[in-house]
Amino acid sequence: MIKTKQDFINKIHLIISVLIVVPVSFVYGFNPDLQFDIHINTIDEHNFFKAIMGLYLGFSIVWLFGIFKTNYLKIALVSNMIFMLGLGSGRVLSLIVDGTPTFGYLFGTFAELFLGVYGFWVLKRWIKQQLQKNKR
């Protein structure tokens, strides 16, 4: 898991992501109106949000593998970066097209963009370290 300062730098955003994404996935899947101004009326809408829950949990599992297994770190970094930048970019588009959402979504936008950019930075450093190891 985290044994060195470098491990901490490489994995802290994955840990933060899991700690946020797992609970949010269950809220989306079972009670989205608990924290968000979302009101589900049809079985199709319930199905959609359960699928989102499954997607979030699936990515969280990949990130957990990256935290605990070195062989999975690269895929965890790449998937986290794409996940967070994808969500953040969609929310920025919504800000431009739809207007300002509630504070939770606004905060989520900045947090997702930060975690995505941080993940990109970590991935870039990690690849550089791997190249240096292979030269030895």
Protein backbone atom coordinates (compact mmCIF):
# COMPACT_ATOMS: atom_id res chain seq x y z
CA MET A 1 0.00 0.00 0.00
CA ILE A 2 1.65 3.25 1.09
CA LYS A 3 5.18 2.62 2.33
CA THR A 4 7.09 5.65 1.11
CA LYS A 5 6.58 9.32 0.40
CA GLN A 6 6.52 8.45 -3.30
CA ASP A 7 3.74 5.90 -2.70
CA PHE A 8 1.78 8.61 -0.90
CA ILE A 9 2.23 11.05 -3.81
CA ASN A 10 1.30 8.37 -6.35
CA LYS A 11 -1.76 7.00 -4.55
CA ILE A 12 -3.36 9.64 -2.34
CA HIS A 13 -5.70 10.86 -5.07
CA LEU A 14 -6.79 7.26 -5.71
CA ILE A 15 -7.60 6.86 -2.02
CA ILE A 16 -9.50 10.18 -1.97
CA SER A 17 -11.36 9.14 -5.12
CA VAL A 18 -12.45 5.81 -3.62
CA LEU A 19 -13.53 7.48 -0.38
CA ILE A 20 -15.74 9.90 -2.32
CA VAL A 21 -16.89 7.85 -5.31
CA VAL A 22 -18.06 4.74 -3.38
CA PRO A 23 -20.51 6.59 -1.09
CA VAL A 24 -21.70 8.81 -3.96
CA SER A 25 -22.34 5.70 -6.05
CA PHE A 26 -24.67 4.30 -3.39
CA VAL A 27 -26.49 7.63 -3.11
CA TYR A 28 -26.93 7.70 -6.91
CA GLY A 29 -28.04 4.06 -6.94
CA PHE A 30 -30.47 4.03 -4.05
CA ASN A 31 -31.43 7.54 -2.98
CA PRO A 32 -30.27 10.32 -5.33
CA ASP A 33 -32.76 12.83 -3.93
CA LEU A 34 -31.02 12.52 -0.53
CA GLN A 35 -28.19 14.89 -1.47
CA PHE A 36 -29.15 16.17 -4.90
CA ASP A 37 -32.15 17.87 -6.49
CA ILE A 38 -32.95 14.70 -8.46
CA HIS A 39 -36.38 13.07 -8.44
CA ILE A 40 -36.71 9.65 -10.02
CA ASN A 41 -40.16 8.72 -11.32
CA THR A 42 -39.75 5.71 -13.62
CA ILE A 43 -38.14 2.28 -13.51
CA ASP A 44 -35.93 3.36 -16.44
CA GLU A 45 -34.62 6.26 -14.35
CA HIS A 46 -33.93 3.90 -11.43
CA ASN A 47 -32.16 1.57 -13.85
CA PHE A 48 -30.05 4.43 -15.21
CA PHE A 49 -28.87 5.50 -11.76
CA LYS A 50 -28.14 1.90 -10.69
CA ALA A 51 -26.00 1.57 -13.84
CA ILE A 52 -24.13 4.74 -12.87
CA MET A 53 -23.65 3.24 -9.40
CA GLY A 54 -22.18 0.09 -10.97
CA LEU A 55 -19.88 2.12 -13.19
CA TYR A 56 -18.62 4.14 -10.22
CA LEU A 57 -18.08 0.98 -8.13
CA GLY A 58 -16.29 -0.72 -11.02
CA PHE A 59 -13.84 2.14 -11.39
CA SER A 60 -13.35 2.21 -7.62
CA ILE A 61 -12.33 -1.45 -7.71
CA VAL A 62 -9.70 -0.66 -10.36
CA TRP A 63 -8.38 2.16 -8.15
CA LEU A 64 -8.26 -0.15 -5.12
CA PHE A 65 -6.21 -2.63 -7.15
CA GLY A 66 -3.85 0.24 -8.03
CA ILE A 67 -3.53 1.21 -4.38
CA PHE A 68 -2.73 -2.31 -3.19
CA LYS A 69 -1.05 -3.93 -6.22
CA THR A 70 1.85 -2.22 -7.99
CA ASN A 71 1.07 -4.05 -11.24
CA TYR A 72 -2.26 -2.23 -11.45
CA LEU A 73 -1.02 1.26 -10.60
CA LYS A 74 -0.71 2.50 -14.19
CA ILE A 75 -4.22 1.42 -15.20
CA ALA A 76 -5.57 2.89 -11.96
CA LEU A 77 -3.84 6.21 -12.68
CA VAL A 78 -5.04 6.33 -16.29
CA SER A 79 -8.62 5.33 -15.48
CA ASN A 80 -8.84 7.78 -12.57
CA MET A 81 -7.50 10.60 -14.70
CA ILE A 82 -9.98 9.88 -17.52
CA PHE A 83 -12.86 9.39 -15.07
CA MET A 84 -12.24 12.63 -13.18
CA LEU A 85 -11.40 14.78 -16.21
CA GLY A 86 -14.39 13.35 -18.06
CA LEU A 87 -16.77 14.20 -15.22
CA GLY A 88 -15.18 17.60 -14.66
CA SER A 89 -15.30 18.48 -18.35
CA GLY A 90 -18.95 17.50 -18.57
CA ARG A 91 -19.72 19.67 -15.57
CA VAL A 92 -17.82 22.63 -17.08
CA LEU A 93 -19.86 22.20 -20.26
CA SER A 94 -23.02 22.19 -18.13
CA LEU A 95 -21.88 25.37 -16.37
CA ILE A 96 -21.53 27.07 -19.75
CA VAL A 97 -24.70 25.69 -21.35
CA ASP A 98 -27.06 25.23 -18.39
CA GLY A 99 -25.89 27.71 -15.74
CA THR A 100 -24.64 27.35 -12.19
CA PRO A 101 -25.72 24.19 -10.31
CA THR A 102 -26.02 23.71 -6.56
CA PHE A 103 -22.91 24.00 -4.39
CA GLY A 104 -22.38 20.22 -4.24
CA TYR A 105 -22.09 19.95 -8.00
CA LEU A 106 -19.99 23.10 -8.24
CA PHE A 107 -17.59 21.77 -5.61
CA GLY A 108 -17.58 18.41 -7.41
CA THR A 109 -16.54 20.12 -10.63
CA PHE A 110 -13.46 21.68 -9.07
CA ALA A 111 -12.60 18.53 -7.11
CA GLU A 112 -12.88 16.31 -10.20
CA LEU A 113 -10.76 18.65 -12.31
CA PHE A 114 -8.17 18.86 -9.52
CA LEU A 115 -8.01 15.06 -9.07
CA GLY A 116 -7.81 14.56 -12.84
CA VAL A 117 -4.97 17.05 -13.29
CA TYR A 118 -3.20 15.63 -10.23
CA GLY A 119 -3.58 12.15 -11.71
CA PHE A 120 -2.08 13.36 -15.00
CA TRP A 121 0.87 14.84 -13.11
CA VAL A 122 1.39 11.62 -11.13
CA LEU A 123 1.13 9.48 -14.28
CA LYS A 124 3.71 11.65 -16.06
CA ARG A 125 6.11 11.34 -13.08
CA TRP A 126 5.46 7.61 -12.74
CA ILE A 127 6.22 6.96 -16.44
CA LYS A 128 9.42 8.99 -16.14
CA GLN A 129 10.46 6.91 -13.09
CA GLN A 130 9.73 3.66 -14.95
CA LEU A 131 11.82 4.78 -17.93
CA GLN A 132 14.71 5.64 -15.60
CA LYS A 133 14.45 2.22 -13.92
CA ASN A 134 14.54 0.47 -17.30
CA LYS A 135 17.69 2.37 -18.35
CA ARG A 136 19.63 0.96 -15.39
